[in-house]
Amino acid sequence: MRSKVTIKDVARYVGVVPSTVSRAINDHPEVGPETKARVREAVELLGYRPDRLARSIRQGRTQSVSVMV
């Protein structure tokens, strides 16, 4: 079984640093259109998907609702 593709894997494939991949994915204006296109192509090819749990931990919110009965 293949391990999960990380943002670092995408960065290595494209030849940029992970922060550039993150900025390209989030459509940051300082990333050039060619770089954004290369990152998007690599994301599609490698099958990168952001880890929602890791993001929620970093942001301090879980996007879930608890119900007590």
Protein backbone atom coordinates (compact mmCIF):
# COMPACT_ATOMS: atom_id res chain seq x y z
CA MET A 1 0.00 0.00 0.00
CA ARG A 2 1.35 3.38 -0.97
CA SER A 3 1.64 6.07 1.68
CA LYS A 4 -0.35 9.28 1.49
CA VAL A 5 0.99 11.98 -0.84
CA THR A 6 2.14 15.05 1.09
CA ILE A 7 2.65 18.66 0.12
CA LYS A 8 6.41 17.95 0.31
CA ASP A 9 6.02 15.22 -2.34
CA VAL A 10 4.25 17.68 -4.64
CA ALA A 11 6.97 20.28 -4.01
CA ARG A 12 9.74 17.79 -4.85
CA TYR A 13 7.94 16.77 -8.04
CA VAL A 14 7.48 20.37 -9.20
CA GLY A 15 10.90 21.56 -7.98
CA VAL A 16 9.71 24.21 -5.54
CA VAL A 17 9.48 24.53 -1.77
CA PRO A 18 6.38 23.32 0.13
CA SER A 19 5.28 26.87 0.97
CA THR A 20 5.07 27.67 -2.75
CA VAL A 21 2.85 24.63 -3.27
CA SER A 22 0.61 25.77 -0.42
CA ARG A 23 0.38 29.27 -1.85
CA ALA A 24 -0.35 27.95 -5.34
CA ILE A 25 -3.12 25.68 -4.03
CA ASN A 26 -4.64 28.62 -2.13
CA ASP A 27 -4.37 30.89 -5.22
CA HIS A 28 -1.99 33.39 -3.61
CA PRO A 29 -1.38 36.39 -5.92
CA GLU A 30 2.43 36.26 -5.54
CA VAL A 31 2.68 32.84 -7.23
CA GLY A 32 3.04 33.05 -10.99
CA PRO A 33 0.47 31.48 -13.31
CA GLU A 34 3.00 28.99 -14.73
CA THR A 35 3.92 27.76 -11.26
CA LYS A 36 0.25 27.49 -10.27
CA ALA A 37 -0.42 25.43 -13.39
CA ARG A 38 2.54 23.10 -12.70
CA VAL A 39 1.45 22.64 -9.08
CA ARG A 40 -2.16 21.93 -10.04
CA GLU A 41 -0.99 19.40 -12.63
CA ALA A 42 1.23 17.67 -10.04
CA VAL A 43 -1.58 17.66 -7.46
CA GLU A 44 -3.85 15.94 -9.97
CA LEU A 45 -1.19 13.50 -11.18
CA LEU A 46 0.05 12.50 -7.72
CA GLY A 47 -3.39 12.49 -6.13
CA TYR A 48 -2.60 14.97 -3.35
CA ARG A 49 -5.50 15.73 -1.02
CA PRO A 50 -5.18 18.04 2.00
CA ASP A 51 -5.48 16.35 5.39
CA ARG A 52 -8.59 17.91 6.92
CA LEU A 53 -7.77 16.65 10.42
CA ALA A 54 -4.30 18.22 10.37
CA ARG A 55 -5.74 21.50 9.11
CA SER A 56 -8.39 21.57 11.83
CA ILE A 57 -5.77 20.98 14.51
CA ARG A 58 -3.65 23.86 13.18
CA GLN A 59 -6.65 26.18 12.96
CA GLY A 60 -8.06 25.16 16.32
CA ARG A 61 -11.48 24.19 14.95
CA THR A 62 -12.88 20.86 13.87
CA GLN A 63 -15.91 21.68 11.70
CA SER A 64 -17.89 19.10 13.66
CA VAL A 65 -20.90 19.40 15.93
CA SER A 66 -21.44 17.45 19.14
CA VAL A 67 -24.84 16.52 20.47
CA MET A 68 -25.44 15.44 24.05
CA VAL A 69 -28.57 13.53 24.95
